[in-house]
Amino acid sequence: MKELSRRTANFTDSVIRRMTRISNQYGAVNLSQGFPDFDPPKAILDRLRQVADEDVHQYSLTWGAQNLREAIARKQSGRMGFSIDPDSEIVVTCGSTEAMMASMMTVANPGDKVAIFSPFYENYGADTILTGAEPIYVPLNPPGYDFDPEVLEDAFRGGAKVLILCNPSNPCGKVFTRQELEVIADLVRKYDAYVVTDEVYEHIVYAPNYHIYFASLPGMRERTISCSSLSKTYSITGWRLGYTIAPPKITDRIKKVHDFLTVGAAAPLQEAVIPGLEFGQDYYDELLDLYTKKRELFLHGLDEIGLVHNVPQGAYYVMMDVSEFGYEDDLKFCEDLAAKVGVGAVPGSSFFREPIHNYVRLHFAKKEETLKEALDRLSCIREKMSR
């Protein structure tokens, strides 16, 4: 038989999702795949019950229900600092995963080069390869996960047409400062490049850090596709609702790509989520307070056990250094952690382009009792993981 796609020949399954399956296999507390174990806001669930009896079970408009796009435009115009047209600048997608893929297929041609900060969410490399482009990886240097502007400029000198910017960052929780974003913006302007942002954790940023939308910087709106999701903000990761915000010329192309990728996101869920987009600032303050307390609880617990970790500035992930356990293979470490200790984690090597195998990613988007159970199990880690 003729060969299959060369483009996908070296793909593996998602390591993150694989670790959920392994966690389930061993009954481990799943701190690998980043989804909450608590309910979405009541107003959204109440609306979900209502829409079951309404006429919203067929296709919505391909690029998103009119009322949903209008709600997104109202919310994000106030936060991003410029007026967003719901008809010409927004596309509702099947999660931010599809938003990123549609964006990449819009701006990148086969043979183009794409700059990606490393560590990175595993989809970014795959998105680049699926478009036929070539990734150029720019290190974020642990433990602070800063970058060298010269190394970033080398990527642009090397022909990078697009930069993928995850802010706040998955997996390391870095929040880019205004100074860092201005360095990036200067290079984007100098080399006439595009930026595709992933800002799904925009509302989970811990003081004194704060989130700055890249598109809000001078001259960057016309060069930026802002991708986000409703999954993390409203604890509905299974609903798969995301969106892009971009200038009309770019959005027109995204609409066409999106149409042929998925046709459209689930119509009833688009209707049900609208109350969330109408929440006032109190909701986002409470969300941040919730995750701030979870971060404090979990990091304090890791400190009590004596486990080495970074302190995330945003999102809900922690990179834990497991050098002391003597594993050369961090995937094997995570498999043993699930089987022997009963806690699920993601091997850090799935996020790094560099040959780094001494980190694992844990997340704390769980109920307090779930986090305490995980910490209780981790308290025996040295006894159970000794080699």
Protein backbone atom coordinates (compact mmCIF):
# COMPACT_ATOMS: atom_id res chain seq x y z
CA MET A 1 0.00 0.00 0.00
CA LYS A 2 1.11 3.59 -0.58
CA GLU A 3 2.58 5.45 2.35
CA LEU A 4 0.47 7.50 4.70
CA SER A 5 0.95 11.23 5.33
CA ARG A 6 4.60 12.13 5.87
CA ARG A 7 3.48 15.26 7.69
CA THR A 8 2.00 13.22 10.54
CA ALA A 9 4.46 10.31 10.50
CA ASN A 10 6.22 11.41 13.69
CA PHE A 11 3.09 12.39 15.61
CA THR A 12 2.30 10.66 18.88
CA ASP A 13 -0.94 10.88 20.77
CA SER A 14 -1.26 13.78 23.18
CA VAL A 15 0.93 13.00 26.19
CA ILE A 16 -1.39 15.13 28.35
CA ARG A 17 -4.46 13.14 27.41
CA ARG A 18 -2.48 9.90 27.68
CA MET A 19 -1.65 10.73 31.28
CA THR A 20 -5.37 11.13 32.03
CA ARG A 21 -5.91 7.59 30.76
CA ILE A 22 -3.01 6.33 32.88
CA SER A 23 -4.36 8.21 35.91
CA ASN A 24 -7.73 6.56 35.40
CA GLN A 25 -6.10 3.16 35.03
CA TYR A 26 -4.44 3.41 38.45
CA GLY A 27 -7.09 5.42 40.27
CA ALA A 28 -4.66 8.32 40.62
CA VAL A 29 -5.63 11.87 41.50
CA ASN A 30 -5.46 13.40 38.04
CA LEU A 31 -3.33 16.54 38.19
CA SER A 32 -2.21 16.05 34.60
CA GLN A 33 -4.90 17.21 32.17
CA GLY A 34 -6.01 20.70 33.19
CA PHE A 35 -9.71 20.51 33.88
CA PRO A 36 -11.63 21.35 37.09
CA ASP A 37 -13.55 18.85 39.20
CA PHE A 38 -16.07 21.50 40.31
CA ASP A 39 -19.20 22.81 38.61
CA PRO A 40 -19.52 25.71 36.18
CA PRO A 41 -21.39 28.83 37.39
CA LYS A 42 -25.04 28.20 38.22
CA ALA A 43 -26.31 30.83 35.76
CA ILE A 44 -24.69 28.96 32.88
CA LEU A 45 -26.06 25.60 34.02
CA ASP A 46 -29.54 27.07 34.45
CA ARG A 47 -29.43 28.45 30.91
CA LEU A 48 -28.23 25.06 29.63
CA ARG A 49 -31.35 23.44 31.05
CA GLN A 50 -33.53 26.05 29.36
CA VAL A 51 -32.01 25.74 25.90
CA ALA A 52 -32.85 22.04 25.80
CA ASP A 53 -36.44 23.11 25.14
CA GLU A 54 -35.62 25.85 22.64
CA ASP A 55 -35.10 25.82 18.90
CA VAL A 56 -31.29 25.85 18.96
CA HIS A 57 -30.47 22.28 17.96
CA GLN A 58 -29.52 22.85 14.33
CA TYR A 59 -26.55 24.66 12.81
CA SER A 60 -25.93 28.16 14.04
CA LEU A 61 -24.21 30.65 11.76
CA THR A 62 -20.93 29.07 10.76
CA TRP A 63 -18.75 31.69 12.48
CA GLY A 64 -20.87 31.75 15.65
CA ALA A 65 -24.35 32.64 16.86
CA GLN A 66 -25.04 36.36 16.50
CA ASN A 67 -25.89 36.90 20.17
CA LEU A 68 -22.78 35.03 21.32
CA ARG A 69 -20.48 37.06 19.09
CA GLU A 70 -22.10 40.24 20.33
CA ALA A 71 -21.59 39.14 23.95
CA ILE A 72 -17.93 38.34 23.29
CA ALA A 73 -17.48 41.71 21.59
CA ARG A 74 -19.00 43.59 24.54
CA LYS A 75 -16.86 41.78 27.09
CA GLN A 76 -13.57 41.89 25.20
CA SER A 77 -13.89 45.44 23.85
CA GLY A 78 -13.84 46.73 27.41
CA ARG A 79 -10.92 44.56 28.41
CA MET A 80 -8.76 44.86 25.31
CA GLY A 81 -9.19 48.62 25.07
CA PHE A 82 -10.62 48.92 21.57
CA SER A 83 -13.97 48.43 19.90
CA ILE A 84 -14.50 44.96 18.38
CA ASP A 85 -17.01 44.37 15.60
CA PRO A 86 -18.91 41.12 16.29
CA ASP A 87 -19.64 40.60 12.60
CA SER A 88 -16.28 41.26 10.97
CA GLU A 89 -13.73 40.55 13.74
CA ILE A 90 -14.91 37.46 15.69
CA VAL A 91 -15.13 33.77 14.81
CA VAL A 92 -16.50 31.27 17.35
CA THR A 93 -14.58 27.99 17.15
CA CYS A 94 -14.56 24.49 18.61
CA GLY A 95 -12.34 25.44 21.52
CA SER A 96 -9.15 27.46 21.39
CA THR A 97 -7.56 24.34 19.86
CA GLU A 98 -9.45 24.94 16.63
CA ALA A 99 -8.98 28.70 16.97
CA MET A 100 -5.22 28.19 16.93
CA MET A 101 -5.34 25.74 14.01
CA ALA A 102 -7.58 27.98 11.92
CA SER A 103 -5.32 30.95 12.71
CA MET A 104 -2.18 29.10 11.71
CA MET A 105 -3.73 27.95 8.45
CA THR A 106 -4.74 31.57 7.80
CA VAL A 107 -1.31 33.19 8.24
CA ALA A 108 1.23 30.44 7.46
CA ASN A 109 2.05 28.91 4.09
CA PRO A 110 3.93 25.64 3.53
CA GLY A 111 7.61 26.39 3.98
CA ASP A 112 7.07 29.41 6.24
CA LYS A 113 8.75 29.54 9.64
CA VAL A 114 6.98 29.95 12.97
CA ALA A 115 8.63 31.05 16.23
CA ILE A 116 7.45 29.21 19.36
CA PHE A 117 8.59 29.83 22.92
CA SER A 118 9.75 26.64 24.67
CA PRO A 119 8.33 25.19 26.92
CA PHE A 120 5.10 25.28 24.94
CA TYR A 121 1.66 23.70 24.89
CA GLU A 122 2.06 20.57 22.80
CA ASN A 123 -0.46 21.56 20.10
CA TYR A 124 1.65 24.47 18.84
CA GLY A 125 4.31 22.31 17.22
CA ALA A 126 1.65 20.07 15.72
CA ASP A 127 -0.31 23.05 14.38
CA THR A 128 2.82 24.35 12.70
CA ILE A 129 3.67 21.02 11.10
CA LEU A 130 0.09 20.47 9.92
CA THR A 131 0.23 23.80 8.07
CA GLY A 132 3.43 22.68 6.38
CA ALA A 133 5.46 25.32 8.18
CA GLU A 134 8.69 24.90 10.13
CA PRO A 135 8.90 25.64 13.88
CA ILE A 136 11.78 27.64 15.34
CA TYR A 137 11.94 27.23 19.12
CA VAL A 138 13.00 30.07 21.42
CA PRO A 139 13.91 29.01 24.97
CA LEU A 140 12.16 30.34 28.05
CA ASN A 141 14.82 29.76 30.66
CA PRO A 142 13.85 28.09 33.98
CA PRO A 143 13.25 28.85 36.77
CA GLY A 144 12.05 32.37 35.87
CA TYR A 145 11.20 31.46 32.27
CA ASP A 146 12.61 34.66 30.85
CA PHE A 147 13.87 34.89 27.26
CA ASP A 148 16.92 36.36 25.58
CA PRO A 149 15.84 39.10 23.11
CA GLU A 150 18.83 38.28 20.91
CA VAL A 151 17.78 34.65 20.63
CA LEU A 152 14.24 35.73 19.79
CA GLU A 153 15.56 38.11 17.14
CA ASP A 154 17.63 35.26 15.72
CA ALA A 155 14.33 33.46 15.05
CA PHE A 156 13.08 36.45 13.10
CA ARG A 157 16.41 36.83 11.31
CA GLY A 158 15.98 33.18 10.40
CA GLY A 159 12.75 33.99 8.63
CA ALA A 160 9.99 33.59 11.23
CA LYS A 161 6.80 34.98 9.72
CA VAL A 162 4.62 34.15 12.74
CA LEU A 163 5.16 34.07 16.50
CA ILE A 164 2.92 31.99 18.77
CA LEU A 165 2.56 33.71 22.14
CA CYS A 166 0.91 31.91 25.05
CA ASN A 167 0.25 34.41 27.83
CA PRO A 168 -0.23 33.42 30.64
CA SER A 169 1.87 30.47 29.63
CA ASN A 170 0.96 26.81 29.71
CA PRO A 171 2.87 24.89 31.10
CA CYS A 172 5.03 27.18 33.24
CA GLY A 173 2.61 29.89 34.34
CA LYS A 174 4.76 32.75 33.06
CA VAL A 175 3.04 36.11 32.61
CA PHE A 176 4.90 38.31 30.14
CA THR A 177 5.68 41.80 31.43
CA ARG A 178 4.90 44.95 29.47
CA GLN A 179 8.62 45.40 28.83
CA GLU A 180 8.90 41.87 27.40
CA LEU A 181 5.81 42.36 25.24
CA GLU A 182 7.20 45.64 23.92
CA VAL A 183 10.44 43.88 22.98
CA ILE A 184 8.37 41.31 21.09
CA ALA A 185 6.26 44.03 19.45
CA ASP A 186 9.35 45.90 18.27
CA LEU A 187 10.68 42.75 16.62
CA VAL A 188 7.32 41.91 15.07
CA ARG A 189 7.17 45.39 13.58
CA LYS A 190 10.81 45.29 12.45
CA TYR A 191 10.44 41.95 10.66
CA ASP A 192 6.87 42.48 9.42
CA ALA A 193 5.53 39.40 11.22
CA TYR A 194 2.23 38.17 12.64
CA VAL A 195 1.44 37.05 16.19
CA VAL A 196 -1.05 34.35 17.13
CA THR A 197 -1.84 34.59 20.83
CA ASP A 198 -3.25 31.95 23.16
CA GLU A 199 -4.79 33.86 26.07
CA VAL A 200 -7.14 31.28 27.57
CA TYR A 201 -5.85 32.00 31.11
CA GLU A 202 -6.33 35.77 30.75
CA HIS A 203 -8.42 35.96 33.96
CA ILE A 204 -6.12 33.79 36.09
CA VAL A 205 -3.17 36.08 36.82
CA TYR A 206 -1.77 36.39 40.35
CA ALA A 207 -0.83 39.69 41.96
CA PRO A 208 1.33 41.65 41.47
CA ASN A 209 1.37 40.34 37.89
CA TYR A 210 -1.24 41.52 35.41
CA HIS A 211 -2.33 40.50 31.94
CA ILE A 212 -1.76 42.70 28.89
CA TYR A 213 -3.44 41.75 25.63
CA PHE A 214 -0.79 41.77 22.94
CA ALA A 215 -3.23 43.23 20.41
CA SER A 216 -3.64 46.28 22.68
CA LEU A 217 -0.02 47.38 22.16
CA PRO A 218 0.57 50.21 19.67
CA GLY A 219 0.53 48.94 16.10
CA MET A 220 -0.11 45.32 17.05
CA ARG A 221 -3.84 45.04 16.50
CA GLU A 222 -3.50 44.67 12.73
CA ARG A 223 -0.79 42.03 13.15
CA THR A 224 -2.42 39.92 15.86
CA ILE A 225 -4.90 37.06 15.95
CA SER A 226 -6.10 36.84 19.55
CA CYS A 227 -7.26 33.31 20.40
CA SER A 228 -9.07 32.47 23.60
CA SER A 229 -11.57 30.07 25.10
CA LEU A 230 -14.48 30.02 27.50
CA SER A 231 -13.29 26.69 28.92
CA LYS A 232 -11.04 27.86 31.73
CA THR A 233 -12.83 31.08 32.63
CA TYR A 234 -16.19 29.35 33.17
CA SER A 235 -14.97 25.81 34.05
CA ILE A 236 -16.55 24.25 30.95
CA THR A 237 -13.60 22.55 29.26
CA GLY A 238 -15.85 19.87 27.77
CA TRP A 239 -18.01 22.41 25.94
CA ARG A 240 -15.23 23.22 23.46
CA LEU A 241 -16.06 26.87 22.88
CA GLY A 242 -13.32 29.23 21.76
CA TYR A 243 -12.96 32.24 19.51
CA THR A 244 -10.61 34.40 17.49
CA ILE A 245 -10.46 38.19 17.40
CA ALA A 246 -8.62 39.72 14.46
CA PRO A 247 -8.92 42.55 11.91
CA PRO A 248 -11.62 42.06 9.25
CA LYS A 249 -9.27 41.04 6.43
CA ILE A 250 -7.74 38.28 8.57
CA THR A 251 -11.06 37.26 10.11
CA ASP A 252 -12.59 36.84 6.66
CA ARG A 253 -9.95 34.21 5.91
CA ILE A 254 -10.34 32.54 9.32
CA LYS A 255 -14.07 32.19 8.68
CA LYS A 256 -13.40 30.21 5.50
CA VAL A 257 -10.82 27.94 7.13
CA HIS A 258 -13.08 27.37 10.14
CA ASP A 259 -16.04 26.53 7.89
CA PHE A 260 -14.16 23.67 6.26
CA LEU A 261 -12.52 22.47 9.48
CA THR A 262 -15.60 22.09 11.69
CA VAL A 263 -18.55 24.02 10.14
CA GLY A 264 -19.36 25.42 13.57
CA ALA A 265 -19.36 25.00 17.33
CA ALA A 266 -22.23 23.30 19.17
CA ALA A 267 -25.29 25.55 18.81
CA PRO A 268 -27.02 24.80 22.17
CA LEU A 269 -23.80 25.40 24.09
CA GLN A 270 -23.24 28.71 22.35
CA GLU A 271 -26.62 29.85 23.67
CA ALA A 272 -26.07 28.45 27.16
CA VAL A 273 -22.74 30.19 27.81
CA ILE A 274 -23.97 33.73 27.12
CA PRO A 275 -24.92 34.50 30.76
CA GLY A 276 -21.29 33.96 31.71
CA LEU A 277 -20.13 36.61 29.27
CA GLU A 278 -22.53 39.03 30.92
CA PHE A 279 -21.09 38.58 34.42
CA GLY A 280 -19.75 41.69 36.11
CA GLN A 281 -16.25 42.20 37.47
CA ASP A 282 -17.22 40.53 40.74
CA TYR A 283 -17.22 37.14 39.01
CA TYR A 284 -13.65 37.56 37.70
CA ASP A 285 -12.45 38.83 41.08
CA GLU A 286 -13.97 35.77 42.75
CA LEU A 287 -12.45 33.47 40.13
CA LEU A 288 -9.00 34.89 40.75
CA ASP A 289 -9.49 34.69 44.53
CA LEU A 290 -10.50 31.04 44.15
CA TYR A 291 -7.39 30.14 42.17
CA THR A 292 -5.13 32.25 44.37
CA LYS A 293 -6.22 30.21 47.38
CA LYS A 294 -5.75 26.95 45.47
CA ARG A 295 -2.27 28.03 44.43
CA GLU A 296 -1.36 28.91 48.02
CA LEU A 297 -2.70 25.63 49.37
CA PHE A 298 -0.95 23.50 46.77
CA LEU A 299 2.41 25.28 46.74
CA HIS A 300 2.51 25.33 50.53
CA GLY A 301 1.83 21.60 50.52
CA LEU A 302 4.65 20.95 48.05
CA ASP A 303 6.97 23.08 50.21
CA GLU A 304 6.02 21.09 53.30
CA ILE A 305 6.99 17.89 51.50
CA GLY A 306 10.22 19.51 50.31
CA LEU A 307 9.50 19.25 46.57
CA VAL A 308 11.18 21.80 44.31
CA HIS A 309 8.87 23.81 42.06
CA ASN A 310 8.39 27.17 40.35
CA VAL A 311 5.82 29.73 41.47
CA PRO A 312 3.38 30.32 38.60
CA GLN A 313 2.48 33.93 37.89
CA GLY A 314 -0.66 32.92 36.03
CA ALA A 315 -2.75 29.93 34.88
CA TYR A 316 -2.99 26.92 37.21
CA TYR A 317 0.09 24.81 36.50
CA VAL A 318 3.24 24.09 38.49
CA MET A 319 6.51 22.79 37.10
CA MET A 320 8.08 20.47 39.66
CA ASP A 321 11.76 19.52 39.48
CA VAL A 322 12.11 15.75 40.01
CA SER A 323 15.90 15.55 39.61
CA GLU A 324 16.31 14.05 43.07
CA PHE A 325 14.51 10.85 42.05
CA GLY A 326 17.16 9.85 39.52
CA TYR A 327 14.92 9.15 36.52
CA GLU A 328 16.41 9.74 33.08
CA ASP A 329 12.97 9.27 31.49
CA ASP A 330 10.34 11.68 32.82
CA LEU A 331 7.52 9.76 31.12
CA LYS A 332 8.53 6.67 33.09
CA PHE A 333 8.60 8.83 36.21
CA CYS A 334 5.03 9.97 35.57
CA GLU A 335 3.84 6.43 34.90
CA ASP A 336 5.40 5.30 38.18
CA LEU A 337 4.01 8.33 39.99
CA ALA A 338 0.49 7.35 38.91
CA ALA A 339 0.98 3.65 39.66
CA LYS A 340 2.96 3.85 42.92
CA VAL A 341 1.97 7.18 44.47
CA GLY A 342 -1.47 7.65 42.95
CA VAL A 343 -0.98 11.12 41.44
CA GLY A 344 -1.16 11.97 37.75
CA ALA A 345 1.33 14.43 36.21
CA VAL A 346 2.59 15.30 32.73
CA PRO A 347 6.26 14.74 31.77
CA GLY A 348 7.94 18.07 31.18
CA SER A 349 9.74 16.82 28.07
CA SER A 350 6.44 16.96 26.18
CA PHE A 351 6.60 20.76 26.52
CA PHE A 352 10.30 21.42 25.87
CA ARG A 353 12.10 21.35 22.55
CA GLU A 354 15.35 21.22 24.50
CA PRO A 355 16.46 17.83 25.94
CA ILE A 356 15.02 18.53 29.40
CA HIS A 357 13.72 15.56 31.38
CA ASN A 358 13.76 16.68 35.01
CA TYR A 359 10.40 18.49 35.21
CA VAL A 360 6.80 17.36 35.49
CA ARG A 361 3.71 19.52 35.26
CA LEU A 362 0.99 19.39 37.92
CA HIS A 363 -2.17 21.48 38.04
CA PHE A 364 -4.32 22.77 40.89
CA ALA A 365 -7.71 23.39 39.23
CA LYS A 366 -9.34 21.02 41.70
CA LYS A 367 -11.49 21.12 44.79
CA GLU A 368 -9.65 21.75 48.04
CA GLU A 369 -10.27 18.18 49.20
CA THR A 370 -8.87 16.83 45.91
CA LEU A 371 -5.69 18.87 46.32
CA LYS A 372 -5.29 17.76 49.93
CA GLU A 373 -5.68 14.13 48.87
CA ALA A 374 -3.03 14.59 46.19
CA LEU A 375 -0.66 16.22 48.69
CA ASP A 376 -1.29 13.45 51.19
CA ARG A 377 -0.26 10.90 48.56
CA LEU A 378 2.75 12.96 47.51
CA SER A 379 3.96 13.05 51.12
CA CYS A 380 5.05 9.42 50.61
CA ILE A 381 6.72 10.07 47.27
CA ARG A 382 10.29 9.45 48.41
CA GLU A 383 9.41 6.16 50.02
CA LYS A 384 7.42 4.89 47.06
CA MET A 385 9.56 6.27 44.22
CA SER A 386 12.99 5.28 45.53
CA ARG A 387 14.99 3.48 42.88
